[in-house]
Amino acid sequence: MDDRLRVFVCSLAGLGGFGLLGAAFGALAGAVFRASGRAAGGVVGLAVARALEEARGRPLSDVATGAVVGGADGAVFLGVVGAVVGAGVGALGEGHTFLLVGVAEAAGLLTAGAVFFGCLAYGLVRAGVRVLGVIFAAATLGGVVGFLTGGGMGLFYGGVGGALLGSVGGAVVGRRK
């Protein structure tokens, strides 16, 4: 493959992959932020929300506005970062294009971790800190069961699964009180 074409294709792949990741994370963060009564957004996100409202002929709800603004801003920011990373990887040569997949996987795992811990913190704040014991007990029980059934990796998956189930259970228990 021609060097210029490889740089372009890698840049385009980084733009698309990272842009989608930024749009998903930004939309979730923007919706949660707006639902809590606060407003944020950059020039691009606010312009997209205004254009969407004009096209619809009526305003968006607060949560939908937050999702649109956050999604647009996240797509632009991480899309530009991905295009630069992709161009850099493409410039390294044909034997290095696998690095783009590794960087995208790392960014995806980082985003998934941010979403997980953000949702966990949001659930704790909504339900109250008194349910922390429920989450801790569920994570510990999940880790023990996971270790007994699957060894070391079972411990990890069981602990994370238990923490997720404990968060949901804790949120239900916290709402009743």
Foldseek 3Di string as FASTA:
>chain_A
DDLVVLLQVLLQVQLVLQLQLQLVLQLVVQLVCQVVPDHDADPQQVVQQVVVCVVVVHHDDSSNSRNSRRNRVRSVVSSVVRSVVSSVQSNVDDVRSVVSVVVSVVVVVVSVVVVLVVVLVVLCVQLDVVLVVLLVVQLVVQLVVLCVVPNPVRNVVRNSVSNVVSSVVSSVVSVVD
